Protein backbone atom coordinates (compact mmCIF):
# COMPACT_ATOMS: atom_id res chain seq x y z
CA MET A 1 -0.43 0.15 -0.28
CA ARG A 2 3.50 1.89 0.23
CA VAL A 3 4.81 2.28 -2.88
CA ILE A 4 0.77 2.97 -4.18
CA ARG A 5 0.47 5.96 -1.83
CA ALA A 6 3.72 6.59 -3.65
CA LEU A 7 3.00 5.19 -6.49
CA ASN A 8 -0.45 7.84 -6.82
CA GLN A 9 1.65 11.33 -5.04
CA ILE A 10 4.51 10.85 -7.40
CA ILE A 11 1.68 11.12 -10.56
CA ASP A 12 -0.13 13.59 -8.71
CA TRP A 13 3.17 15.78 -9.27
CA ARG A 14 4.40 15.06 -12.06
CA VAL A 15 2.46 12.51 -15.07
CA GLN A 16 1.18 9.36 -15.52
CA PRO A 17 5.00 6.49 -16.39
CA LYS A 18 3.77 4.14 -18.67
CA ARG A 19 5.83 1.48 -17.24
CA ILE A 20 7.75 1.30 -14.30
CA ARG A 21 11.20 -0.62 -13.90
CA SER A 22 12.13 -2.49 -10.38
CA ASP A 23 13.95 -5.00 -8.60
CA ASN A 24 11.87 -8.05 -7.48
CA GLY A 25 11.54 -6.97 -4.12
CA PRO A 26 8.42 -8.23 -2.63
CA GLU A 27 7.03 -4.55 -2.93
CA TYR A 28 7.14 -4.56 -6.01
CA ILE A 29 6.07 -8.15 -7.31
CA SER A 30 2.71 -7.76 -5.06
CA GLU A 31 -0.60 -9.23 -5.80
CA LEU A 32 -2.49 -5.52 -4.68
CA LEU A 33 0.79 -3.39 -7.06
CA LYS A 34 0.51 -5.66 -10.10
CA ALA A 35 -3.45 -4.81 -10.11
CA TRP A 36 -2.85 -0.52 -9.42
CA ALA A 37 -0.72 -1.26 -13.11
CA GLU A 38 -3.25 -2.69 -14.35
CA ASN A 39 -6.38 -0.07 -13.36
CA ASN A 40 -2.79 2.57 -14.79
CA ASP A 41 -2.35 1.16 -17.61
CA ILE A 42 1.09 0.64 -16.64
CA ILE A 43 3.56 -1.48 -17.56
CA LEU A 44 5.13 -2.99 -14.44
CA ASP A 45 9.06 -4.53 -16.07
CA PHE A 46 10.97 -5.97 -13.25
CA ILE A 47 15.28 -6.44 -13.74
CA GLN A 48 16.28 -9.36 -14.14
CA PRO A 49 17.07 -10.98 -9.72
CA GLY A 50 20.80 -11.04 -9.13
CA ASN A 51 21.63 -8.02 -11.88
CA PRO A 52 21.54 -4.59 -9.89
CA GLN A 53 23.39 -3.50 -13.17
CA GLN A 54 20.01 -3.68 -15.43
CA ASN A 55 19.11 -0.66 -13.08
CA GLY A 56 22.14 1.44 -12.56
CA TYR A 57 20.43 4.41 -12.01
CA VAL A 58 18.54 3.34 -9.37
CA GLU A 59 21.88 1.70 -7.94
CA ARG A 60 23.75 4.58 -8.39
CA TYR A 61 21.07 7.32 -6.63
CA ASN A 62 20.14 4.40 -3.36
CA ARG A 63 24.41 4.76 -3.29
CA THR A 64 24.64 8.94 -2.94
CA VAL A 65 21.87 8.34 -0.45
CA ARG A 66 23.90 5.26 1.41
CA TYR A 67 27.74 7.32 1.16
CA ASP A 68 25.66 11.46 1.60
CA TRP A 69 24.15 11.56 4.22
CA LEU A 70 22.30 8.15 5.62
CA ALA A 71 26.01 5.75 7.21
CA GLN A 72 26.67 9.37 8.68
CA PHE A 73 24.43 9.89 10.72
CA ILE A 74 23.17 7.94 13.93
CA PHE A 75 19.50 8.16 13.88
CA LYS A 76 17.03 7.88 17.23
CA SER A 77 13.69 7.74 15.09
CA ILE A 78 12.67 6.66 11.29
CA GLU A 79 10.63 10.12 12.70
CA GLN A 80 13.73 12.00 11.75
CA VAL A 81 15.08 9.58 9.39
CA GLN A 82 11.78 10.63 7.63
CA GLU A 83 12.43 14.30 8.09
CA HIS A 84 16.20 14.28 7.28
CA ALA A 85 15.20 12.15 3.64
CA THR A 86 13.18 15.47 2.65
CA ARG A 87 15.13 17.80 4.07
CA TRP A 88 18.07 15.91 1.30
CA LEU A 89 16.45 15.46 -1.00
CA TRP A 90 15.87 18.83 -1.67
CA THR A 91 18.83 19.79 -1.22
CA TYR A 92 19.80 16.63 -4.48
CA ASN A 93 16.74 18.40 -6.82
CA ASN A 94 17.26 22.09 -6.51
CA GLU A 95 20.96 22.29 -5.24
CA ARG A 96 23.34 19.55 -5.78
CA PRO A 97 24.46 20.14 -9.43
CA ASN A 98 24.36 16.82 -11.34
CA MET A 99 27.32 16.31 -13.41
CA ALA A 100 26.17 13.72 -15.78
CA ILE A 101 23.21 16.01 -16.61
CA GLY A 102 26.17 19.19 -17.13
CA GLY A 103 26.43 20.33 -14.55
CA ILE A 104 22.14 21.55 -13.34
CA THR A 105 20.26 20.65 -10.63
CA PRO A 106 17.43 17.69 -11.13
CA ILE A 107 14.51 20.70 -11.69
CA GLN A 108 16.70 23.54 -14.05
CA LYS A 109 16.62 19.79 -16.01
CA ARG A 110 12.55 19.50 -15.83
CA VAL A 111 12.73 23.63 -16.59
CA LEU A 112 14.40 22.64 -19.57
CA ALA A 113 12.54 20.29 -20.71
CA ALA A 114 9.64 21.08 -20.43
């Protein structure tokens, strides 16, 4: 249900994707998510088990999260992690230049693409 809530929120903010690529985690292979995807005409595209390189963008993002902040702090509650993650994500998208997209921020790239 959390994955579906998050996907619905992303769709409200952006646009509905035609396809979602993910690993084979239990939250992504559930019958509930499969039914949601079918109802929304979205194809669920799973990488091969044991091949995280097939989902390189996500793996790179996860590594950035882990090394940029997650492994650097000791959190006392899940709320503290969520608050820190929200602030970090805003900085990541709005202030931190990304060399893979020409040294601009993701939000600048989105504006240029519009």
